[in-house]
Amino acid sequence: GTDGARPRRVTQSFDEADQTTFEVEKLLNAAASGAREMAITRLTELREQHPDHPRVSRALGMLLFNEKRFEESCAALDDAIAADPLAFDLYF
């Protein structure tokens, strides 16, 4: 039996950080499919908009590293570490 209560509809809303994380994942997928420069350009824009979002800087740093753009990569990874100093995988 039921107690007469109607089930609540669960809606999921994304805050800005979640939307940014989702976009980062889409850009990483695009880069893996060959659109690396587009992904780097957009991640650079996102990094300017969200300098404290570690996933943005991390993704940008990794893509730049893979493109052998080491100086830019180090700067992005330094930002990722500053935003999330406990992300120990960034130190290797």
C-alpha atoms as a PDB file:
ATOM      1  CA  GLY A   1       0.000   0.000   0.000  1.00  0.00           C
ATOM      2  CA  THR A   2       0.896   3.599  -0.295  1.00  0.00           C
ATOM      3  CA  ASP A   3       0.372   6.359   2.165  1.00  0.00           C
ATOM      4  CA  GLY A   4      -1.210   8.534  -0.494  1.00  0.00           C
ATOM      5  CA  ALA A   5       1.917  10.594  -1.014  1.00  0.00           C
ATOM      6  CA  ARG A   6       2.702  11.341  -4.602  1.00  0.00           C
ATOM      7  CA  PRO A   7       6.235  10.584  -5.715  1.00  0.00           C
ATOM      8  CA  ARG A   8       8.372  13.663  -6.072  1.00  0.00           C
ATOM      9  CA  ARG A   9       9.795  14.351  -9.463  1.00  0.00           C
ATOM     10  CA  VAL A  10      13.540  14.603  -9.214  1.00  0.00           C
ATOM     11  CA  THR A  11      15.106  17.202 -11.414  1.00  0.00           C
ATOM     12  CA  GLN A  12      18.784  17.684 -11.749  1.00  0.00           C
ATOM     13  CA  SER A  13      20.055  21.143 -12.326  1.00  0.00           C
ATOM     14  CA  PHE A  14      23.627  21.898 -13.199  1.00  0.00           C
ATOM     15  CA  ASP A  15      25.339  24.773 -11.543  1.00  0.00           C
ATOM     16  CA  GLU A  16      28.002  26.668 -13.429  1.00  0.00           C
ATOM     17  CA  ALA A  17      30.846  24.425 -12.221  1.00  0.00           C
ATOM     18  CA  ASP A  18      28.978  21.308 -13.384  1.00  0.00           C
ATOM     19  CA  GLN A  19      28.293  22.876 -16.778  1.00  0.00           C
ATOM     20  CA  THR A  20      31.978  23.744 -17.107  1.00  0.00           C
ATOM     21  CA  THR A  21      33.009  20.196 -16.166  1.00  0.00           C
ATOM     22  CA  PHE A  22      30.582  18.834 -18.756  1.00  0.00           C
ATOM     23  CA  GLU A  23      32.008  21.147 -21.410  1.00  0.00           C
ATOM     24  CA  VAL A  24      35.570  20.105 -20.502  1.00  0.00           C
ATOM     25  CA  GLU A  25      34.630  16.452 -21.031  1.00  0.00           C
ATOM     26  CA  LYS A  26      33.062  17.256 -24.408  1.00  0.00           C
ATOM     27  CA  LEU A  27      36.199  19.152 -25.440  1.00  0.00           C
ATOM     28  CA  LEU A  28      38.461  16.284 -24.407  1.00  0.00           C
ATOM     29  CA  ASN A  29      36.352  13.936 -26.521  1.00  0.00           C
ATOM     30  CA  ALA A  30      36.576  16.341 -29.446  1.00  0.00           C
ATOM     31  CA  ALA A  31      40.356  16.538 -29.034  1.00  0.00           C
ATOM     32  CA  ALA A  32      40.570  12.741 -29.009  1.00  0.00           C
ATOM     33  CA  SER A  33      38.645  12.771 -32.301  1.00  0.00           C
ATOM     34  CA  GLY A  34      41.173  15.124 -33.868  1.00  0.00           C
ATOM     35  CA  ALA A  35      39.832  18.594 -33.029  1.00  0.00           C
ATOM     36  CA  ARG A  36      42.782  19.403 -30.765  1.00  0.00           C
ATOM     37  CA  GLU A  37      43.294  23.042 -31.740  1.00  0.00           C
ATOM     38  CA  MET A  38      39.593  23.825 -31.342  1.00  0.00           C
ATOM     39  CA  ALA A  39      39.635  22.173 -27.907  1.00  0.00           C
ATOM     40  CA  ILE A  40      42.766  24.075 -26.866  1.00  0.00           C
ATOM     41  CA  THR A  41      41.253  27.367 -28.027  1.00  0.00           C
ATOM     42  CA  ARG A  42      38.002  26.799 -26.135  1.00  0.00           C
ATOM     43  CA  LEU A  43      39.772  25.520 -23.000  1.00  0.00           C
ATOM     44  CA  THR A  44      41.959  28.639 -23.077  1.00  0.00           C
ATOM     45  CA  GLU A  45      38.782  30.743 -23.120  1.00  0.00           C
ATOM     46  CA  LEU A  46      37.264  28.700 -20.299  1.00  0.00           C
ATOM     47  CA  ARG A  47      40.446  29.090 -18.254  1.00  0.00           C
ATOM     48  CA  GLU A  48      40.145  32.870 -18.543  1.00  0.00           C
ATOM     49  CA  GLN A  49      36.486  32.702 -17.476  1.00  0.00           C
ATOM     50  CA  HIS A  50      37.019  30.144 -14.689  1.00  0.00           C
ATOM     51  CA  PRO A  51      40.595  30.491 -13.416  1.00  0.00           C
ATOM     52  CA  ASP A  52      39.801  28.560 -10.224  1.00  0.00           C
ATOM     53  CA  HIS A  53      38.299  25.525 -11.981  1.00  0.00           C
ATOM     54  CA  PRO A  54      41.043  22.863 -11.779  1.00  0.00           C
ATOM     55  CA  ARG A  55      39.576  20.559 -14.452  1.00  0.00           C
ATOM     56  CA  VAL A  56      39.782  23.308 -17.069  1.00  0.00           C
ATOM     57  CA  SER A  57      43.443  24.037 -16.375  1.00  0.00           C
ATOM     58  CA  ARG A  58      44.277  20.340 -16.063  1.00  0.00           C
ATOM     59  CA  ALA A  59      42.656  19.452 -19.394  1.00  0.00           C
ATOM     60  CA  LEU A  60      44.313  22.391 -21.123  1.00  0.00           C
ATOM     61  CA  GLY A  61      47.691  21.519 -19.638  1.00  0.00           C
ATOM     62  CA  MET A  62      47.460  17.908 -20.777  1.00  0.00           C
ATOM     63  CA  LEU A  63      46.403  18.827 -24.312  1.00  0.00           C
ATOM     64  CA  LEU A  64      49.192  21.386 -24.584  1.00  0.00           C
ATOM     65  CA  PHE A  65      51.688  18.824 -23.289  1.00  0.00           C
ATOM     66  CA  ASN A  66      50.545  16.341 -25.936  1.00  0.00           C
ATOM     67  CA  GLU A  67      51.123  19.043 -28.556  1.00  0.00           C
ATOM     68  CA  LYS A  68      54.655  19.575 -27.165  1.00  0.00           C
ATOM     69  CA  ARG A  69      53.779  23.110 -26.099  1.00  0.00           C
ATOM     70  CA  PHE A  70      55.583  22.573 -22.818  1.00  0.00           C
ATOM     71  CA  GLU A  71      55.881  26.124 -21.514  1.00  0.00           C
ATOM     72  CA  GLU A  72      52.147  26.749 -21.960  1.00  0.00           C
ATOM     73  CA  SER A  73      51.407  23.326 -20.529  1.00  0.00           C
ATOM     74  CA  CYS A  74      53.409  24.049 -17.376  1.00  0.00           C
ATOM     75  CA  ALA A  75      51.566  27.341 -16.857  1.00  0.00           C
ATOM     76  CA  ALA A  76      48.170  25.643 -17.167  1.00  0.00           C
ATOM     77  CA  LEU A  77      49.179  22.795 -14.859  1.00  0.00           C
ATOM     78  CA  ASP A  78      50.545  25.294 -12.330  1.00  0.00           C
ATOM     79  CA  ASP A  79      47.087  26.919 -12.366  1.00  0.00           C
ATOM     80  CA  ALA A  80      45.461  23.515 -11.850  1.00  0.00           C
ATOM     81  CA  ILE A  81      47.694  22.851  -8.847  1.00  0.00           C
ATOM     82  CA  ALA A  82      46.959  26.293  -7.420  1.00  0.00           C
ATOM     83  CA  ALA A  83      43.220  25.653  -7.790  1.00  0.00           C
ATOM     84  CA  ASP A  84      43.415  22.143  -6.285  1.00  0.00           C
ATOM     85  CA  PRO A  85      46.667  21.640  -4.352  1.00  0.00           C
ATOM     86  CA  LEU A  86      45.538  18.214  -3.111  1.00  0.00           C
ATOM     87  CA  ALA A  87      45.283  16.758  -6.634  1.00  0.00           C
ATOM     88  CA  PHE A  88      48.468  14.785  -6.197  1.00  0.00           C
ATOM     89  CA  ASP A  89      48.364  13.306  -9.702  1.00  0.00           C
ATOM     90  CA  LEU A  90      49.193  16.769 -11.040  1.00  0.00           C
ATOM     91  CA  TYR A  91      52.609  16.656  -9.431  1.00  0.00           C
ATOM     92  CA  PHE A  92      53.874  13.823 -11.645  1.00  0.00           C
END
